[in-house]
Each structure stands twice: as structure tokens, then as C-alpha cells.
Amino acid sequence: MRDLSDTQAWSPGLEPSFAVAEGIAALFAPFVEVAIHDLASESVAYIANPQSRRTPGDPSQLEDLNFNPGQRIIGPYEKTNWDGRRMKCVSIVIREGDEPIGLMCINMDVSRFDQVRRALDGFLGAPPQDDDVRALFVHDWHERINRFVTDWCGERKVQIADIDRASRRELIRGLQGIGAFEARRAPAYVARILGVSRATVYNELGALRQDSNPA
């Protein structure tokens, strides 16, 4: 069921796509998330089987998306999830008459299949494959945060769930250093990734500001 507690108004013509999103997510569970983006408000209108920790009302970050008015399908393309999992994605343009009103983004977690492929490649001696595909949303702050957190954890060989308070503050300091909190909803998104409250993230940011500007 969808959570409408933090949504903005979306185009009414998107409503029929919600059931389609649920059906696709149910068929390919637990690997697929389906998000419906409203082009008018540039926000997430609906999300089925959420895996990206986005919620309805979050910004879609579509300002840099350029597609031909007659285009029906965008992709496939690759994105990185908040926990470092590789996602194979495709976006379908939703129309009302001839007018594009939304995007249905189908995001499949292929990281588990990557593990199987690596095992088969090692067994069969297949050469490594280059799956580096340019992301669709080139200025997506979700993607910037996801990649930074993934790289940060990888360098320290830790899992997000194992981060202690001191490490969490270090990670938040690093995110602050790349301007990750400039987006309005970024602190809430980081809080969901770290499994803490928004107040905790805001308190850490306040403490970091105080450290850098002592009285």
C-alpha cells in the first residue's frame, strides 16, 4: 500500500499507473522497485516495493532529464542504490493524450545476479565485463549521496548498520563537505540511510557547525 502522509498533489492522470506499478513490483518481488514520478511537480507520486528509501513527495530530480517528446521508453540505464547495490533501470513515459505527465521508473536490483555472474565468470574463465552506463539523472543528489556513502564504507570496510556514533559524525562531515545537505530533503534521506532520526542528523550538523565556528 502507498504512503500518502508526505505527498504533494500529483497529476490525476497518473492514478491508473499506480496499480500497474504494484503489479510489476509484485511479479518481480523482491528484486524490483517501481516509482511513479510526476513531471508537473517533479516529485515522487507513488512507489511500490520501495528499496531506494525514497518516499512519496521526495523530489524526482528531473530538471536535467531531456527526452524527445515522442519518446516512449528511456534506457535501460544504471544507478546505484543507497547501500551500494547496482540497479538496472528503465523509464516509461506516461502520457495523457499526447502530453507527457509522468515517468514510470522500474528499478531492478541486479547485485545478486552480479554475484552469480562473477561466480560463473570465475568458473568458466570469462573475461570481466564493463557495465559502466551513464546515469540518466546526471545531477541526482540521491545518487551523489549513495555513491559517497558506498565509497566511504568500502574504504573503511564497514557496513552502514555497524557504524558507531563517532564514525557516523565523520560520515556526515564528509557528506557536508561535498554539499550533500544543500537539497531541502537531503537530511531526511541521509537519516533513512543511516537508520536514525532526522533530529539526530540535524544535531550532528549543528555540532559540526559549532566545531568549525567556536565562540
N, C-alpha and C. Protein backbone atom coordinates (compact mmCIF):
# COMPACT_ATOMS: atom_id res chain seq x y z
N MET A 1 0.84 -1.20 0.00
CA MET A 1 0.00 0.00 0.00
C MET A 1 0.87 1.24 0.00
N ARG A 2 0.39 2.30 -0.63
CA ARG A 2 1.20 3.51 -0.72
C ARG A 2 1.04 4.36 0.52
N ASP A 3 2.09 5.10 0.84
CA ASP A 3 2.08 6.03 1.97
C ASP A 3 1.85 7.42 1.43
N LEU A 4 0.72 8.02 1.81
CA LEU A 4 0.38 9.35 1.30
C LEU A 4 0.60 10.43 2.35
N SER A 5 1.34 10.09 3.41
CA SER A 5 1.46 11.02 4.53
C SER A 5 2.31 12.23 4.19
N ASP A 6 3.16 12.13 3.17
CA ASP A 6 4.08 13.24 2.88
C ASP A 6 4.12 13.51 1.38
N THR A 7 2.95 13.52 0.76
CA THR A 7 2.92 13.68 -0.68
C THR A 7 2.52 15.09 -1.08
N GLN A 8 2.83 15.44 -2.32
CA GLN A 8 2.31 16.63 -2.94
C GLN A 8 1.21 16.18 -3.89
N ALA A 9 0.41 17.11 -4.37
CA ALA A 9 -0.62 16.76 -5.35
C ALA A 9 0.05 16.33 -6.64
N TRP A 10 -0.46 15.25 -7.23
CA TRP A 10 0.09 14.78 -8.49
C TRP A 10 -0.97 14.89 -9.56
N SER A 11 -0.56 14.72 -10.81
CA SER A 11 -1.49 14.77 -11.93
C SER A 11 -2.47 13.61 -11.82
N PRO A 12 -3.78 13.87 -11.89
CA PRO A 12 -4.77 12.80 -11.74
C PRO A 12 -4.59 11.68 -12.75
N GLY A 13 -4.05 12.01 -13.92
CA GLY A 13 -3.87 11.00 -14.95
C GLY A 13 -2.86 9.93 -14.58
N LEU A 14 -2.10 10.13 -13.50
CA LEU A 14 -1.12 9.14 -13.08
C LEU A 14 -1.75 8.00 -12.29
N GLU A 15 -2.93 8.23 -11.73
CA GLU A 15 -3.56 7.25 -10.82
C GLU A 15 -3.66 5.84 -11.41
N PRO A 16 -4.06 5.66 -12.69
CA PRO A 16 -4.14 4.29 -13.22
C PRO A 16 -2.81 3.55 -13.25
N SER A 17 -1.72 4.30 -13.26
CA SER A 17 -0.39 3.67 -13.31
C SER A 17 0.02 3.08 -11.98
N PHE A 18 -0.63 3.50 -10.89
CA PHE A 18 -0.24 3.00 -9.57
C PHE A 18 -0.46 1.50 -9.47
N ALA A 19 -1.61 1.02 -9.98
CA ALA A 19 -1.89 -0.42 -9.93
C ALA A 19 -0.91 -1.19 -10.81
N VAL A 20 -0.54 -0.61 -11.96
CA VAL A 20 0.45 -1.25 -12.83
C VAL A 20 1.78 -1.38 -12.09
N ALA A 21 2.16 -0.31 -11.38
CA ALA A 21 3.40 -0.34 -10.61
C ALA A 21 3.37 -1.44 -9.56
N GLU A 22 2.24 -1.56 -8.86
CA GLU A 22 2.10 -2.60 -7.84
C GLU A 22 2.21 -3.99 -8.46
N GLY A 23 1.58 -4.17 -9.63
CA GLY A 23 1.60 -5.47 -10.28
C GLY A 23 3.00 -5.88 -10.71
N ILE A 24 3.75 -4.93 -11.30
CA ILE A 24 5.12 -5.23 -11.73
C ILE A 24 5.99 -5.55 -10.52
N ALA A 25 5.86 -4.75 -9.46
CA ALA A 25 6.67 -4.98 -8.25
C ALA A 25 6.33 -6.33 -7.62
N ALA A 26 5.03 -6.69 -7.63
CA ALA A 26 4.63 -7.97 -7.05
C ALA A 26 5.16 -9.15 -7.86
N LEU A 27 5.13 -9.02 -9.19
CA LEU A 27 5.57 -10.10 -10.06
C LEU A 27 7.06 -10.38 -9.89
N PHE A 28 7.85 -9.32 -9.75
CA PHE A 28 9.30 -9.48 -9.70
C PHE A 28 9.86 -9.30 -8.29
N ALA A 29 8.99 -9.36 -7.28
CA ALA A 29 9.46 -9.25 -5.89
C ALA A 29 10.46 -10.37 -5.59
N PRO A 30 11.48 -10.10 -4.78
CA PRO A 30 11.75 -8.83 -4.08
C PRO A 30 12.76 -7.95 -4.81
N PHE A 31 12.96 -8.16 -6.11
CA PHE A 31 14.07 -7.52 -6.80
C PHE A 31 13.73 -6.16 -7.40
N VAL A 32 12.44 -5.84 -7.58
CA VAL A 32 12.07 -4.67 -8.37
C VAL A 32 11.31 -3.64 -7.54
N GLU A 33 11.73 -2.39 -7.68
CA GLU A 33 11.01 -1.23 -7.16
C GLU A 33 10.45 -0.48 -8.36
N VAL A 34 9.22 0.03 -8.23
CA VAL A 34 8.63 0.83 -9.30
C VAL A 34 8.20 2.17 -8.73
N ALA A 35 8.76 3.24 -9.29
CA ALA A 35 8.44 4.60 -8.83
C ALA A 35 7.72 5.36 -9.94
N ILE A 36 6.66 6.06 -9.55
CA ILE A 36 5.93 6.92 -10.49
C ILE A 36 6.30 8.36 -10.17
N HIS A 37 6.87 9.06 -11.16
CA HIS A 37 7.28 10.45 -10.99
C HIS A 37 6.30 11.37 -11.71
N ASP A 38 5.90 12.43 -11.02
CA ASP A 38 5.00 13.42 -11.60
C ASP A 38 5.85 14.52 -12.23
N LEU A 39 5.72 14.72 -13.55
CA LEU A 39 6.54 15.71 -14.24
C LEU A 39 6.15 17.14 -13.85
N ALA A 40 4.89 17.36 -13.52
CA ALA A 40 4.44 18.72 -13.19
C ALA A 40 5.10 19.23 -11.91
N SER A 41 5.09 18.40 -10.87
CA SER A 41 5.67 18.80 -9.58
C SER A 41 7.10 18.33 -9.41
N GLU A 42 7.59 17.49 -10.36
CA GLU A 42 8.93 16.91 -10.29
C GLU A 42 9.14 16.24 -8.93
N SER A 43 8.15 15.41 -8.54
CA SER A 43 8.24 14.71 -7.27
C SER A 43 7.76 13.28 -7.45
N VAL A 44 8.10 12.43 -6.48
CA VAL A 44 7.65 11.04 -6.49
C VAL A 44 6.17 11.02 -6.08
N ALA A 45 5.31 10.52 -6.96
CA ALA A 45 3.89 10.44 -6.65
C ALA A 45 3.53 9.12 -5.99
N TYR A 46 4.27 8.05 -6.31
CA TYR A 46 3.93 6.72 -5.84
C TYR A 46 5.17 5.85 -5.93
N ILE A 47 5.30 4.91 -5.01
CA ILE A 47 6.43 3.99 -5.07
C ILE A 47 5.99 2.63 -4.54
N ALA A 48 6.20 1.59 -5.34
CA ALA A 48 5.82 0.23 -4.99
C ALA A 48 7.07 -0.58 -4.66
N ASN A 49 7.01 -1.36 -3.58
CA ASN A 49 8.16 -2.14 -3.10
C ASN A 49 9.40 -1.26 -2.98
N PRO A 50 9.34 -0.21 -2.17
CA PRO A 50 10.46 0.74 -2.10
C PRO A 50 11.74 0.08 -1.62
N GLN A 51 12.81 0.32 -2.37
CA GLN A 51 14.13 -0.16 -2.00
C GLN A 51 15.13 0.98 -1.90
N SER A 52 14.78 2.13 -2.45
CA SER A 52 15.72 3.26 -2.52
C SER A 52 15.60 4.21 -1.34
N ARG A 53 14.69 3.91 -0.41
CA ARG A 53 14.45 4.76 0.76
C ARG A 53 13.91 6.14 0.39
N ARG A 54 13.39 6.28 -0.83
CA ARG A 54 12.64 7.47 -1.18
C ARG A 54 11.19 7.26 -0.75
N THR A 55 10.47 8.34 -0.55
CA THR A 55 9.07 8.27 -0.18
C THR A 55 8.26 9.21 -1.08
N PRO A 56 6.94 9.00 -1.18
CA PRO A 56 6.12 9.94 -1.95
C PRO A 56 6.32 11.37 -1.47
N GLY A 57 6.48 12.27 -2.42
CA GLY A 57 6.74 13.67 -2.10
C GLY A 57 8.20 14.05 -2.24
N ASP A 58 9.10 13.05 -2.23
CA ASP A 58 10.53 13.35 -2.44
C ASP A 58 10.74 13.91 -3.84
N PRO A 59 11.73 14.79 -4.01
CA PRO A 59 11.99 15.35 -5.35
C PRO A 59 12.46 14.26 -6.31
N SER A 60 12.01 14.36 -7.55
CA SER A 60 12.39 13.38 -8.57
C SER A 60 13.72 13.70 -9.22
N GLN A 61 14.17 14.95 -9.12
CA GLN A 61 15.42 15.39 -9.73
C GLN A 61 15.40 15.19 -11.24
N LEU A 62 14.37 15.71 -11.87
CA LEU A 62 14.19 15.53 -13.31
C LEU A 62 14.59 16.77 -14.10
N GLU A 63 15.17 17.77 -13.43
CA GLU A 63 15.45 19.02 -14.13
C GLU A 63 16.47 18.84 -15.25
N ASP A 64 17.30 17.81 -15.15
CA ASP A 64 18.32 17.59 -16.17
C ASP A 64 17.94 16.48 -17.15
N LEU A 65 16.69 16.02 -17.06
CA LEU A 65 16.24 14.96 -17.95
C LEU A 65 15.73 15.55 -19.25
N ASN A 66 16.38 15.19 -20.35
CA ASN A 66 15.95 15.65 -21.67
C ASN A 66 15.56 14.44 -22.50
N PHE A 67 14.33 14.44 -23.00
CA PHE A 67 13.94 13.34 -23.87
C PHE A 67 13.05 13.88 -24.98
N ASN A 68 13.11 13.22 -26.11
CA ASN A 68 12.31 13.60 -27.26
C ASN A 68 10.83 13.51 -26.92
N PRO A 69 10.02 14.51 -27.28
CA PRO A 69 8.59 14.47 -26.96
C PRO A 69 7.89 13.20 -27.44
N GLY A 70 8.41 12.59 -28.49
CA GLY A 70 7.79 11.37 -28.99
C GLY A 70 8.35 10.10 -28.37
N GLN A 71 9.33 10.25 -27.47
CA GLN A 71 9.98 9.10 -26.86
C GLN A 71 9.03 8.38 -25.91
N ARG A 72 9.06 7.07 -25.92
CA ARG A 72 8.19 6.28 -25.06
C ARG A 72 8.96 5.59 -23.94
N ILE A 73 10.19 5.16 -24.23
CA ILE A 73 10.98 4.42 -23.25
C ILE A 73 12.38 5.03 -23.18
N ILE A 74 12.90 5.22 -21.97
CA ILE A 74 14.23 5.74 -21.73
C ILE A 74 15.05 4.65 -21.05
N GLY A 75 16.19 4.31 -21.63
CA GLY A 75 17.03 3.29 -21.04
C GLY A 75 17.01 2.00 -21.82
N PRO A 76 17.51 0.92 -21.20
CA PRO A 76 17.93 0.80 -19.80
C PRO A 76 19.18 1.63 -19.48
N TYR A 77 19.30 1.99 -18.19
CA TYR A 77 20.45 2.71 -17.67
C TYR A 77 20.75 2.17 -16.28
N GLU A 78 21.85 2.59 -15.71
CA GLU A 78 22.30 2.07 -14.43
C GLU A 78 22.31 3.15 -13.37
N LYS A 79 21.92 2.79 -12.14
CA LYS A 79 22.04 3.68 -10.99
C LYS A 79 22.58 2.89 -9.81
N THR A 80 22.97 3.61 -8.77
CA THR A 80 23.48 2.98 -7.55
C THR A 80 22.50 3.21 -6.42
N ASN A 81 22.09 2.17 -5.73
CA ASN A 81 21.17 2.32 -4.62
C ASN A 81 21.90 2.85 -3.39
N TRP A 82 21.14 3.23 -2.36
CA TRP A 82 21.72 3.86 -1.17
C TRP A 82 22.75 2.98 -0.49
N ASP A 83 22.61 1.64 -0.60
CA ASP A 83 23.52 0.73 0.09
C ASP A 83 24.57 0.15 -0.86
N GLY A 84 24.72 0.75 -2.05
CA GLY A 84 25.76 0.31 -2.97
C GLY A 84 25.33 -0.72 -3.98
N ARG A 85 24.10 -1.23 -3.87
CA ARG A 85 23.64 -2.23 -4.83
C ARG A 85 23.46 -1.61 -6.22
N ARG A 86 23.84 -2.38 -7.25
CA ARG A 86 23.69 -1.91 -8.61
C ARG A 86 22.26 -2.14 -9.07
N MET A 87 21.66 -1.10 -9.64
CA MET A 87 20.28 -1.16 -10.09
C MET A 87 20.24 -0.97 -11.61
N LYS A 88 19.56 -1.89 -12.30
CA LYS A 88 19.31 -1.74 -13.73
C LYS A 88 17.91 -1.17 -13.88
N CYS A 89 17.81 -0.05 -14.62
CA CYS A 89 16.58 0.72 -14.62
C CYS A 89 16.09 1.01 -16.04
N VAL A 90 14.79 1.21 -16.16
CA VAL A 90 14.20 1.68 -17.40
C VAL A 90 13.04 2.59 -17.03
N SER A 91 12.83 3.65 -17.80
CA SER A 91 11.75 4.60 -17.54
C SER A 91 10.78 4.62 -18.71
N ILE A 92 9.51 4.57 -18.38
CA ILE A 92 8.44 4.59 -19.38
C ILE A 92 7.69 5.91 -19.24
N VAL A 93 7.54 6.62 -20.35
CA VAL A 93 6.85 7.91 -20.34
C VAL A 93 5.34 7.67 -20.24
N ILE A 94 4.72 8.29 -19.25
CA ILE A 94 3.27 8.21 -19.06
C ILE A 94 2.64 9.44 -19.70
N ARG A 95 1.63 9.23 -20.52
CA ARG A 95 1.01 10.34 -21.25
C ARG A 95 -0.48 10.45 -20.93
N GLU A 96 -0.94 11.69 -21.05
CA GLU A 96 -2.38 11.97 -21.01
C GLU A 96 -2.70 12.59 -22.36
N GLY A 97 -3.28 11.79 -23.25
CA GLY A 97 -3.37 12.21 -24.62
C GLY A 97 -1.98 12.17 -25.22
N ASP A 98 -1.53 13.28 -25.79
CA ASP A 98 -0.17 13.36 -26.34
C ASP A 98 0.80 14.01 -25.37
N GLU A 99 0.30 14.44 -24.21
CA GLU A 99 1.12 15.21 -23.28
C GLU A 99 1.81 14.31 -22.26
N PRO A 100 3.17 14.34 -22.17
CA PRO A 100 3.86 13.58 -21.11
C PRO A 100 3.52 14.17 -19.74
N ILE A 101 3.05 13.32 -18.81
CA ILE A 101 2.70 13.79 -17.47
C ILE A 101 3.50 13.10 -16.38
N GLY A 102 4.17 12.01 -16.72
CA GLY A 102 4.91 11.29 -15.69
C GLY A 102 5.87 10.28 -16.26
N LEU A 103 6.63 9.69 -15.35
CA LEU A 103 7.55 8.61 -15.70
C LEU A 103 7.31 7.44 -14.76
N MET A 104 7.24 6.24 -15.31
CA MET A 104 7.24 5.04 -14.50
C MET A 104 8.65 4.46 -14.58
N CYS A 105 9.37 4.51 -13.46
CA CYS A 105 10.75 4.03 -13.42
C CYS A 105 10.79 2.66 -12.74
N ILE A 106 11.21 1.67 -13.49
CA ILE A 106 11.31 0.30 -13.00
C ILE A 106 12.78 0.05 -12.67
N ASN A 107 13.05 -0.17 -11.38
CA ASN A 107 14.42 -0.29 -10.90
C ASN A 107 14.66 -1.69 -10.35
N MET A 108 15.51 -2.45 -11.01
CA MET A 108 15.77 -3.84 -10.61
C MET A 108 17.13 -3.96 -9.92
N ASP A 109 17.12 -4.58 -8.74
CA ASP A 109 18.36 -4.88 -8.03
C ASP A 109 19.03 -6.06 -8.72
N VAL A 110 20.14 -5.80 -9.41
CA VAL A 110 20.85 -6.87 -10.12
C VAL A 110 22.13 -7.29 -9.39
N SER A 111 22.31 -6.78 -8.16
CA SER A 111 23.54 -7.09 -7.44
C SER A 111 23.66 -8.58 -7.14
N ARG A 112 22.53 -9.22 -6.84
CA ARG A 112 22.60 -10.66 -6.54
C ARG A 112 22.94 -11.45 -7.80
N PHE A 113 22.43 -11.00 -8.92
CA PHE A 113 22.76 -11.66 -10.18
C PHE A 113 24.23 -11.40 -10.55
N ASP A 114 24.73 -10.23 -10.15
CA ASP A 114 26.15 -9.94 -10.37
C ASP A 114 27.02 -10.97 -9.65
N GLN A 115 26.61 -11.34 -8.42
CA GLN A 115 27.37 -12.32 -7.65
C GLN A 115 27.39 -13.66 -8.37
N VAL A 116 26.23 -14.05 -8.92
CA VAL A 116 26.16 -15.30 -9.66
C VAL A 116 27.02 -15.22 -10.91
N ARG A 117 26.97 -14.07 -11.61
CA ARG A 117 27.75 -13.91 -12.82
C ARG A 117 29.24 -13.99 -12.52
N ARG A 118 29.67 -13.33 -11.42
CA ARG A 118 31.09 -13.36 -11.08
C ARG A 118 31.54 -14.79 -10.77
N ALA A 119 30.66 -15.54 -10.10
CA ALA A 119 30.99 -16.94 -9.80
C ALA A 119 31.14 -17.74 -11.09
N LEU A 120 30.21 -17.52 -12.03
CA LEU A 120 30.28 -18.23 -13.31
C LEU A 120 31.48 -17.78 -14.13
N ASP A 121 31.77 -16.46 -14.11
CA ASP A 121 32.93 -15.95 -14.84
C ASP A 121 34.21 -16.58 -14.31
N GLY A 122 34.30 -16.69 -12.97
CA GLY A 122 35.49 -17.29 -12.39
C GLY A 122 35.60 -18.76 -12.75
N PHE A 123 34.46 -19.44 -12.76
CA PHE A 123 34.48 -20.87 -13.06
C PHE A 123 34.77 -21.13 -14.53
N LEU A 124 34.19 -20.32 -15.42
CA LEU A 124 34.32 -20.55 -16.85
C LEU A 124 35.48 -19.79 -17.47
N GLY A 125 36.09 -18.89 -16.69
CA GLY A 125 37.21 -18.13 -17.22
C GLY A 125 36.80 -17.03 -18.17
N ALA A 126 35.55 -16.54 -18.03
CA ALA A 126 35.06 -15.48 -18.91
C ALA A 126 35.72 -14.16 -18.52
N PRO A 127 36.02 -13.30 -19.49
CA PRO A 127 36.64 -12.01 -19.17
C PRO A 127 35.64 -11.10 -18.45
N PRO A 128 36.14 -10.21 -17.59
CA PRO A 128 35.22 -9.28 -16.91
C PRO A 128 34.52 -8.39 -17.91
N GLN A 129 33.29 -8.01 -17.58
CA GLN A 129 32.50 -7.16 -18.46
C GLN A 129 32.42 -5.75 -17.89
N ASP A 130 32.37 -4.79 -18.79
CA ASP A 130 32.26 -3.39 -18.38
C ASP A 130 30.80 -2.97 -18.51
N ASP A 131 30.14 -2.81 -17.36
CA ASP A 131 28.73 -2.45 -17.37
C ASP A 131 28.53 -0.98 -17.01
N ASP A 132 29.59 -0.17 -17.21
CA ASP A 132 29.51 1.25 -16.83
C ASP A 132 28.64 2.00 -17.84
N VAL A 133 27.41 2.35 -17.41
CA VAL A 133 26.46 3.06 -18.26
C VAL A 133 26.20 4.41 -17.63
N ARG A 134 26.20 5.46 -18.43
CA ARG A 134 25.97 6.81 -17.89
C ARG A 134 24.58 6.89 -17.27
N ALA A 135 24.50 7.41 -16.05
CA ALA A 135 23.23 7.52 -15.35
C ALA A 135 22.32 8.53 -16.04
N LEU A 136 21.03 8.29 -15.93
CA LEU A 136 20.05 9.17 -16.57
C LEU A 136 20.00 10.53 -15.89
N PHE A 137 19.99 10.55 -14.57
CA PHE A 137 19.85 11.81 -13.84
C PHE A 137 21.25 12.27 -13.41
N VAL A 138 21.86 13.09 -14.23
CA VAL A 138 23.28 13.40 -14.05
C VAL A 138 23.55 14.26 -12.82
N HIS A 139 22.54 14.97 -12.31
CA HIS A 139 22.73 15.80 -11.13
C HIS A 139 21.83 15.34 -9.99
N ASP A 140 21.62 14.06 -9.89
CA ASP A 140 20.74 13.48 -8.87
C ASP A 140 21.48 13.46 -7.53
N TRP A 141 21.00 14.26 -6.54
CA TRP A 141 21.70 14.27 -5.26
C TRP A 141 21.52 12.96 -4.50
N HIS A 142 20.42 12.22 -4.77
CA HIS A 142 20.31 10.88 -4.20
C HIS A 142 21.51 10.04 -4.63
N GLU A 143 21.83 10.09 -5.92
CA GLU A 143 22.93 9.30 -6.47
C GLU A 143 24.26 9.74 -5.87
N ARG A 144 24.48 11.05 -5.73
CA ARG A 144 25.73 11.55 -5.15
C ARG A 144 25.90 11.03 -3.72
N ILE A 145 24.83 11.09 -2.94
CA ILE A 145 24.89 10.61 -1.56
C ILE A 145 25.14 9.11 -1.54
N ASN A 146 24.41 8.37 -2.38
CA ASN A 146 24.57 6.91 -2.41
C ASN A 146 26.01 6.52 -2.73
N ARG A 147 26.57 7.15 -3.76
CA ARG A 147 27.93 6.80 -4.16
C ARG A 147 28.95 7.18 -3.09
N PHE A 148 28.75 8.36 -2.47
CA PHE A 148 29.68 8.79 -1.43
C PHE A 148 29.65 7.81 -0.25
N VAL A 149 28.44 7.45 0.21
CA VAL A 149 28.31 6.54 1.35
C VAL A 149 28.90 5.17 1.01
N THR A 150 28.64 4.69 -0.21
CA THR A 150 29.16 3.39 -0.63
C THR A 150 30.69 3.40 -0.65
N ASP A 151 31.28 4.45 -1.24
CA ASP A 151 32.74 4.55 -1.29
C ASP A 151 33.33 4.70 0.11
N TRP A 152 32.67 5.50 0.95
CA TRP A 152 33.14 5.74 2.32
C TRP A 152 33.18 4.43 3.10
N CYS A 153 32.10 3.67 3.01
CA CYS A 153 32.04 2.38 3.73
C CYS A 153 33.03 1.38 3.14
N GLY A 154 33.18 1.39 1.80
CA GLY A 154 34.11 0.47 1.17
C GLY A 154 35.54 0.73 1.57
N GLU A 155 35.92 2.00 1.66
CA GLU A 155 37.29 2.35 2.05
C GLU A 155 37.59 1.89 3.48
N ARG A 156 36.57 1.89 4.33
CA ARG A 156 36.76 1.53 5.74
C ARG A 156 36.36 0.09 6.03
N LYS A 157 35.84 -0.58 4.99
CA LYS A 157 35.43 -1.99 5.13
C LYS A 157 34.42 -2.16 6.26
N VAL A 158 33.42 -1.29 6.27
CA VAL A 158 32.35 -1.37 7.28
C VAL A 158 31.00 -1.38 6.57
N GLN A 159 30.00 -1.91 7.26
CA GLN A 159 28.62 -1.86 6.80
C GLN A 159 27.92 -0.68 7.47
N ILE A 160 26.92 -0.12 6.79
CA ILE A 160 26.21 1.02 7.36
C ILE A 160 25.65 0.69 8.73
N ALA A 161 25.12 -0.53 8.87
CA ALA A 161 24.49 -0.92 10.14
C ALA A 161 25.49 -0.98 11.30
N ASP A 162 26.79 -1.08 10.98
CA ASP A 162 27.82 -1.23 12.03
C ASP A 162 28.49 0.09 12.39
N ILE A 163 28.06 1.19 11.79
CA ILE A 163 28.70 2.48 12.06
C ILE A 163 28.35 2.96 13.46
N ASP A 164 29.38 3.32 14.25
CA ASP A 164 29.14 3.86 15.59
C ASP A 164 28.95 5.38 15.51
N ARG A 165 28.72 5.99 16.65
CA ARG A 165 28.39 7.42 16.66
C ARG A 165 29.53 8.27 16.11
N ALA A 166 30.76 7.95 16.50
CA ALA A 166 31.90 8.74 16.03
C ALA A 166 32.06 8.61 14.52
N SER A 167 31.90 7.39 14.02
CA SER A 167 32.01 7.18 12.57
C SER A 167 30.87 7.86 11.83
N ARG A 168 29.69 7.83 12.44
CA ARG A 168 28.54 8.48 11.82
C ARG A 168 28.79 9.98 11.66
N ARG A 169 29.36 10.58 12.69
CA ARG A 169 29.66 12.01 12.59
C ARG A 169 30.71 12.26 11.51
N GLU A 170 31.70 11.37 11.41
CA GLU A 170 32.72 11.51 10.37
C GLU A 170 32.09 11.41 8.98
N LEU A 171 31.15 10.46 8.82
CA LEU A 171 30.47 10.30 7.53
C LEU A 171 29.63 11.53 7.21
N ILE A 172 28.91 12.04 8.20
CA ILE A 172 28.08 13.24 7.98
C ILE A 172 28.97 14.43 7.65
N ARG A 173 30.15 14.52 8.29
CA ARG A 173 31.08 15.60 7.97
C ARG A 173 31.53 15.49 6.51
N GLY A 174 31.79 14.28 6.06
CA GLY A 174 32.19 14.08 4.67
C GLY A 174 31.08 14.46 3.71
N LEU A 175 29.85 14.08 4.04
CA LEU A 175 28.71 14.44 3.19
C LEU A 175 28.52 15.96 3.16
N GLN A 176 28.69 16.58 4.31
CA GLN A 176 28.58 18.04 4.37
C GLN A 176 29.64 18.69 3.49
N GLY A 177 30.85 18.08 3.46
CA GLY A 177 31.94 18.63 2.69
C GLY A 177 31.70 18.63 1.19
N ILE A 178 30.87 17.69 0.69
CA ILE A 178 30.57 17.66 -0.75
C ILE A 178 29.26 18.38 -1.06
N GLY A 179 28.70 19.08 -0.05
CA GLY A 179 27.47 19.84 -0.27
C GLY A 179 26.23 18.98 -0.36
N ALA A 180 26.28 17.79 0.26
CA ALA A 180 25.16 16.85 0.14
C ALA A 180 23.90 17.34 0.82
N PHE A 181 24.01 18.26 1.77
CA PHE A 181 22.84 18.69 2.53
C PHE A 181 22.23 19.98 1.99
N GLU A 182 22.66 20.40 0.81
CA GLU A 182 22.10 21.62 0.23
C GLU A 182 20.67 21.41 -0.25
N ALA A 183 20.33 20.19 -0.66
CA ALA A 183 18.96 19.89 -1.08
C ALA A 183 18.06 19.86 0.15
N ARG A 184 16.84 20.35 0.01
CA ARG A 184 15.94 20.53 1.15
C ARG A 184 15.66 19.22 1.89
N ARG A 185 15.47 18.14 1.17
CA ARG A 185 15.09 16.88 1.81
C ARG A 185 16.27 15.94 2.03
N ALA A 186 17.47 16.40 1.77
CA ALA A 186 18.66 15.55 1.91
C ALA A 186 18.88 15.06 3.34
N PRO A 187 18.74 15.91 4.38
CA PRO A 187 18.96 15.39 5.74
C PRO A 187 18.03 14.24 6.09
N ALA A 188 16.76 14.32 5.66
CA ALA A 188 15.82 13.24 5.94
C ALA A 188 16.22 11.98 5.20
N TYR A 189 16.72 12.13 3.96
CA TYR A 189 17.15 10.97 3.18
C TYR A 189 18.36 10.31 3.84
N VAL A 190 19.34 11.11 4.27
CA VAL A 190 20.52 10.57 4.95
C VAL A 190 20.11 9.87 6.24
N ALA A 191 19.14 10.44 6.96
CA ALA A 191 18.67 9.81 8.20
C ALA A 191 18.11 8.43 7.92
N ARG A 192 17.34 8.29 6.83
CA ARG A 192 16.77 6.99 6.49
C ARG A 192 17.87 6.00 6.13
N ILE A 193 18.91 6.45 5.42
CA ILE A 193 20.02 5.57 5.08
C ILE A 193 20.73 5.08 6.34
N LEU A 194 20.97 5.99 7.27
CA LEU A 194 21.73 5.64 8.48
C LEU A 194 20.87 4.96 9.53
N GLY A 195 19.56 4.96 9.34
CA GLY A 195 18.67 4.33 10.30
C GLY A 195 18.55 5.10 11.60
N VAL A 196 18.63 6.44 11.49
CA VAL A 196 18.48 7.31 12.66
C VAL A 196 17.38 8.33 12.37
N SER A 197 17.05 9.11 13.38
CA SER A 197 16.02 10.13 13.20
C SER A 197 16.61 11.35 12.49
N ARG A 198 15.70 12.16 11.89
CA ARG A 198 16.15 13.41 11.29
C ARG A 198 16.78 14.31 12.33
N ALA A 199 16.22 14.28 13.54
CA ALA A 199 16.76 15.12 14.61
C ALA A 199 18.23 14.79 14.89
N THR A 200 18.57 13.49 14.81
CA THR A 200 19.95 13.08 15.04
C THR A 200 20.87 13.69 13.99
N VAL A 201 20.45 13.65 12.72
CA VAL A 201 21.27 14.22 11.65
C VAL A 201 21.41 15.72 11.84
N TYR A 202 20.30 16.41 12.15
CA TYR A 202 20.36 17.86 12.36
C TYR A 202 21.25 18.21 13.56
N ASN A 203 21.18 17.40 14.62
CA ASN A 203 22.03 17.64 15.79
C ASN A 203 23.51 17.47 15.43
N GLU A 204 23.82 16.45 14.63
CA GLU A 204 25.21 16.25 14.20
C GLU A 204 25.69 17.42 13.35
N LEU A 205 24.83 17.88 12.44
CA LEU A 205 25.20 19.03 11.60
C LEU A 205 25.42 20.27 12.45
N GLY A 206 24.55 20.46 13.45
CA GLY A 206 24.72 21.60 14.34
C GLY A 206 26.02 21.53 15.12
N ALA A 207 26.36 20.32 15.58
CA ALA A 207 27.61 20.15 16.32
C ALA A 207 28.82 20.41 15.42
N LEU A 208 28.74 19.97 14.16
CA LEU A 208 29.84 20.20 13.23
C LEU A 208 30.01 21.68 12.93
N ARG A 209 28.88 22.38 12.77
CA ARG A 209 28.96 23.84 12.55
C ARG A 209 29.57 24.55 13.75
N GLN A 210 29.21 24.08 14.96
CA GLN A 210 29.72 24.69 16.18
C GLN A 210 31.23 24.43 16.30
N ASP A 211 31.66 23.22 15.89
CA ASP A 211 33.10 22.90 15.94
C ASP A 211 33.90 23.79 14.99
N SER A 212 33.29 24.09 13.84
CA SER A 212 34.02 24.90 12.85
C SER A 212 33.92 26.39 13.12
N ASN A 213 32.96 26.80 13.97
CA ASN A 213 32.80 28.21 14.31
C ASN A 213 32.71 28.37 15.82
N PRO A 214 33.79 28.07 16.55
CA PRO A 214 33.74 28.16 18.01
C PRO A 214 33.51 29.60 18.47
N ALA A 215 32.83 29.72 19.59
CA ALA A 215 32.53 31.07 20.11
C ALA A 215 33.80 31.76 20.56
